[in-house]
Protein backbone atom coordinates (compact mmCIF):
# COMPACT_ATOMS: atom_id res chain seq x y z
CA UNK A 1 -6.20 49.34 88.55
CA UNK A 2 -3.10 47.99 86.98
CA UNK A 3 -3.53 45.12 84.51
CA UNK A 4 -1.56 42.02 85.33
CA UNK A 5 0.85 40.46 82.81
CA UNK A 6 -1.43 37.50 82.20
CA UNK A 7 -4.32 39.84 81.53
CA UNK A 8 -2.27 41.78 79.02
CA UNK A 9 -1.37 38.62 77.19
CA UNK A 10 -5.02 37.56 77.14
CA UNK A 11 -6.08 40.90 75.60
CA UNK A 12 -3.37 40.64 72.94
CA UNK A 13 -4.57 37.15 72.03
CA UNK A 14 -8.16 38.29 71.73
CA UNK A 15 -7.12 41.23 69.57
CA UNK A 16 -5.18 38.90 67.27
CA UNK A 17 -8.19 36.60 66.89
CA UNK A 18 -10.45 39.56 66.08
CA UNK A 19 -7.97 40.80 63.48
CA UNK A 20 -7.65 37.37 61.91
CA UNK A 21 -11.44 37.01 61.74
CA UNK A 22 -11.73 40.42 60.14
CA UNK A 23 -9.10 39.50 57.56
CA UNK A 24 -10.80 36.20 56.68
CA UNK A 25 -14.13 37.99 56.17
CA UNK A 26 -12.46 40.52 53.91
CA UNK A 27 -9.75 38.50 52.14
CA UNK A 28 -8.82 41.13 49.65
CA UNK A 29 -7.78 43.73 52.21
CA UNK A 30 -5.47 46.16 50.50
CA UNK A 31 -1.88 46.55 51.57
CA UNK A 32 -0.34 49.98 51.62
CA UNK A 33 1.43 49.13 48.37
CA UNK A 34 -1.90 48.49 46.63
CA UNK A 35 -1.79 44.68 46.61
CA UNK A 36 -4.38 42.43 48.19
CA UNK A 37 -3.50 40.25 51.11
CA UNK A 38 -3.30 37.31 51.55
CA UNK A 39 -5.59 35.53 49.08
CA UNK A 40 -4.52 37.43 45.96
CA UNK A 41 -0.92 36.33 46.34
CA UNK A 42 -2.02 32.73 46.72
CA UNK A 43 -4.26 33.04 43.65
CA UNK A 44 -1.37 34.42 41.64
CA UNK A 45 0.92 31.61 42.77
CA UNK A 46 -1.77 29.05 41.98
CA UNK A 47 -2.27 30.56 38.53
CA UNK A 48 1.47 30.41 37.83
CA UNK A 49 1.54 26.78 38.94
CA UNK A 50 -1.38 25.98 36.64
CA UNK A 51 0.42 27.61 33.71
CA UNK A 52 3.52 25.53 34.39
CA UNK A 53 1.39 22.39 34.69
CA UNK A 54 -0.33 23.19 31.39
CA UNK A 55 3.01 23.71 29.67
CA UNK A 56 4.29 20.41 31.07
CA UNK A 57 1.15 18.58 29.89
CA UNK A 58 1.58 20.08 26.41
CA UNK A 59 5.21 18.96 26.25
CA UNK A 60 4.20 15.51 27.48
CA UNK A 61 1.56 15.17 24.75
CA UNK A 62 4.10 16.30 22.13
CA UNK A 63 6.59 13.71 23.43
CA UNK A 64 3.94 10.97 23.29
CA UNK A 65 3.09 11.93 19.70
CA UNK A 66 6.78 11.82 18.75
CA UNK A 67 7.15 8.38 20.32
CA UNK A 68 4.13 7.07 18.40
CA UNK A 69 5.53 8.54 15.18
CA UNK A 70 8.97 6.99 15.77
CA UNK A 71 7.42 3.60 16.48
CA UNK A 72 5.44 3.79 13.24
CA UNK A 73 8.71 4.43 11.38
CA UNK A 74 10.57 1.54 12.96
CA UNK A 75 11.75 -1.02 10.44
CA UNK A 76 10.50 -4.49 11.36
CA UNK A 77 12.84 -7.45 11.09
CA UNK A 78 12.07 -9.30 7.87
CA UNK A 79 14.69 -11.65 6.41
CA UNK A 80 14.97 -15.22 5.20
CA UNK A 81 17.37 -17.73 3.67
CA UNK A 82 16.33 -21.11 2.32
CA UNK A 83 18.13 -23.88 0.43
CA UNK A 84 17.01 -26.73 -1.78
CA UNK A 85 16.59 -29.16 1.09
CA UNK A 86 18.22 -32.02 -0.82
CA UNK A 87 21.31 -32.11 1.38
CA UNK A 88 24.96 -31.57 0.61
CA UNK A 89 25.08 -34.53 -1.74
CA UNK A 90 22.33 -33.00 -3.79
CA UNK A 91 20.18 -34.23 -6.63
CA UNK A 92 18.99 -32.88 -9.94
CA UNK A 93 15.81 -30.78 -9.99
CA UNK A 94 14.28 -30.89 -13.46
CA UNK A 95 14.16 -30.61 -16.32
CA UNK A 96 10.39 -30.32 -16.67
CA UNK A 97 8.37 -29.47 -19.74
CA UNK A 98 6.76 -26.52 -17.95
CA UNK A 99 7.73 -23.61 -15.72
CA UNK A 100 7.84 -24.65 -12.05
CA UNK A 101 8.06 -22.68 -8.83
CA UNK A 102 11.26 -23.83 -7.16
CA UNK A 103 10.52 -24.71 -3.54
CA UNK A 104 13.48 -24.29 -1.19
CA UNK A 105 12.60 -26.71 1.59
CA UNK A 106 15.42 -26.19 4.08
CA UNK A 107 14.86 -22.91 5.91
CA UNK A 108 17.91 -21.42 7.61
CA UNK A 109 16.18 -18.27 8.83
CA UNK A 110 12.75 -16.76 8.39
CA UNK A 111 12.36 -13.60 10.49
CA UNK A 112 8.91 -12.11 9.98
CA UNK A 113 7.62 -15.43 8.55
CA UNK A 114 7.42 -14.04 5.04
CA UNK A 115 8.75 -17.16 3.33
CA UNK A 116 6.41 -20.14 2.91
CA UNK A 117 8.36 -23.40 2.94
CA UNK A 118 5.37 -25.24 1.50
CA UNK A 119 5.03 -23.13 -1.64
CA UNK A 120 8.47 -21.51 -2.04
CA UNK A 121 6.83 -18.09 -2.17
CA UNK A 122 7.83 -15.04 -0.14
CA UNK A 123 4.90 -12.73 0.71
CA UNK A 124 5.79 -9.21 1.87
CA UNK A 125 4.45 -8.71 5.41
CA UNK A 126 4.98 -4.93 5.18
CA UNK A 127 5.50 -2.43 2.38
CA UNK A 128 9.10 -1.45 1.75
CA UNK A 129 12.26 -1.89 -0.27
CA UNK A 130 13.56 -5.47 -0.33
CA UNK A 131 16.75 -7.15 -1.49
CA UNK A 132 16.55 -10.64 -3.05
CA UNK A 133 19.30 -13.06 -4.04
CA UNK A 134 19.21 -16.46 -5.76
CA UNK A 135 21.98 -18.87 -6.66
CA UNK A 136 22.33 -22.30 -8.24
CA UNK A 137 24.70 -25.06 -9.22
CA UNK A 138 24.09 -27.01 -12.43
CA UNK A 139 25.64 -29.51 -14.81
CA UNK A 140 26.08 -29.04 -18.54
CA UNK A 141 23.75 -31.72 -19.86
CA UNK A 142 20.74 -29.36 -19.77
CA UNK A 143 20.32 -25.62 -19.68
CA UNK A 144 20.15 -23.95 -16.27
CA UNK A 145 17.61 -21.16 -16.00
CA UNK A 146 16.11 -19.59 -12.89
CA UNK A 147 13.91 -16.48 -12.98
CA UNK A 148 13.02 -14.23 -10.06
CA UNK A 149 9.31 -13.39 -10.25
CA UNK A 150 7.41 -10.57 -8.54
CA UNK A 151 3.74 -11.47 -8.69
CA UNK A 152 3.57 -12.30 -12.44
CA UNK A 153 6.42 -10.00 -13.51
CA UNK A 154 9.80 -11.34 -14.61
CA UNK A 155 12.53 -9.44 -12.74
CA UNK A 156 15.98 -11.01 -13.27
CA UNK A 157 17.34 -14.36 -14.43
CA UNK A 158 20.37 -16.56 -13.97
CA UNK A 159 21.13 -18.72 -17.00
CA UNK A 160 23.68 -21.14 -18.39
CA UNK A 161 23.54 -22.89 -21.74
CA UNK A 162 24.02 -26.59 -22.36
CA UNK A 163 27.61 -27.69 -22.78
CA UNK A 164 29.51 -30.95 -23.19
CA UNK A 165 32.86 -29.34 -22.39
CA UNK A 166 31.95 -27.28 -19.33
CA UNK A 167 30.00 -29.77 -17.25
CA UNK A 168 29.47 -27.81 -14.01
CA UNK A 169 28.68 -24.16 -13.34
CA UNK A 170 27.40 -21.88 -10.62
CA UNK A 171 25.15 -18.90 -11.27
CA UNK A 172 23.48 -16.14 -9.26
CA UNK A 173 21.55 -12.92 -9.58
CA UNK A 174 19.98 -10.30 -7.30
CA UNK A 175 17.45 -7.47 -7.32
CA UNK A 176 16.12 -4.66 -5.15
CA UNK A 177 12.33 -4.46 -5.32
CA UNK A 178 9.79 -2.00 -4.00
CA UNK A 179 6.94 -4.05 -2.60
CA UNK A 180 3.57 -3.36 -1.09
CA UNK A 181 2.15 -5.58 1.62
CA UNK A 182 1.00 -8.85 0.07
CA UNK A 183 3.28 -8.81 -2.98
CA UNK A 184 4.64 -12.28 -3.82
CA UNK A 185 8.22 -13.03 -4.84
CA UNK A 186 9.55 -16.46 -5.81
CA UNK A 187 12.10 -18.29 -7.97
CA UNK A 188 10.89 -20.08 -11.08
CA UNK A 189 12.67 -23.04 -12.62
CA UNK A 190 12.09 -22.40 -16.30
CA UNK A 191 10.77 -25.07 -18.67
CA UNK A 192 13.32 -27.61 -19.90
CA UNK A 193 15.91 -26.32 -17.43
CA UNK A 194 17.48 -27.97 -14.42
CA UNK A 195 19.59 -27.11 -11.38
CA UNK A 196 21.47 -29.26 -8.92
CA UNK A 197 19.66 -29.22 -5.59
CA UNK A 198 22.63 -28.72 -3.27
CA UNK A 199 22.10 -27.08 0.13
CA UNK A 200 25.26 -24.98 -0.04
CA UNK A 201 24.90 -23.47 -3.51
CA UNK A 202 21.24 -23.58 -4.62
CA UNK A 203 19.69 -20.93 -2.39
CA UNK A 204 17.08 -18.18 -2.14
CA UNK A 205 17.37 -15.22 0.24
CA UNK A 206 15.75 -11.86 0.86
CA UNK A 207 15.47 -9.14 3.45
CA UNK A 208 13.79 -5.80 4.09
CA UNK A 209 16.03 -2.79 3.51
CA UNK A 210 13.56 -0.25 4.88
CA UNK A 211 9.92 0.75 4.93
CA UNK A 212 8.52 3.10 2.29
């Protein structure tokens, strides 16, 4: 009896299902070229993908570490400028019989909040190399003497002697200091000295050059 076309198609479908079932029960059926089919190829591809993923995760962790390191090396913004606070008309400060911390009461800028307007003292918020500058105007009736102090150490001084001929002078000085966090820097008005407290010429400034 001849098999109809629909019957032939049915037999081919059944044969395909049997073959597929046989393959799934024996996933590592060998090809003629010696490779397993089809699971082995998928396993190899999956392994390669995992290797790539691992390499990407490693690079990502390295990038994150580099970002953290760069952030730790960033230089924070620390800078200040303050003046006497006695206006542009000014007034004499001193002389006193003792050394006095000169308090600059008019703050122009204070990034990082290192300068204390109540005490006149700058306290380093971070360790690093700092630049400091002080200036003054003074008459000739008394000596003019300002000293930049780091903690209890005398660093630099601006000075002018008493004079009846030269009745008005300006003076300034500067220093670069290596500070640790918490170091204190301020300007001292020395005993028996005076300055003219003018907001444009009697000033104290400092800023962070870079972290150590």
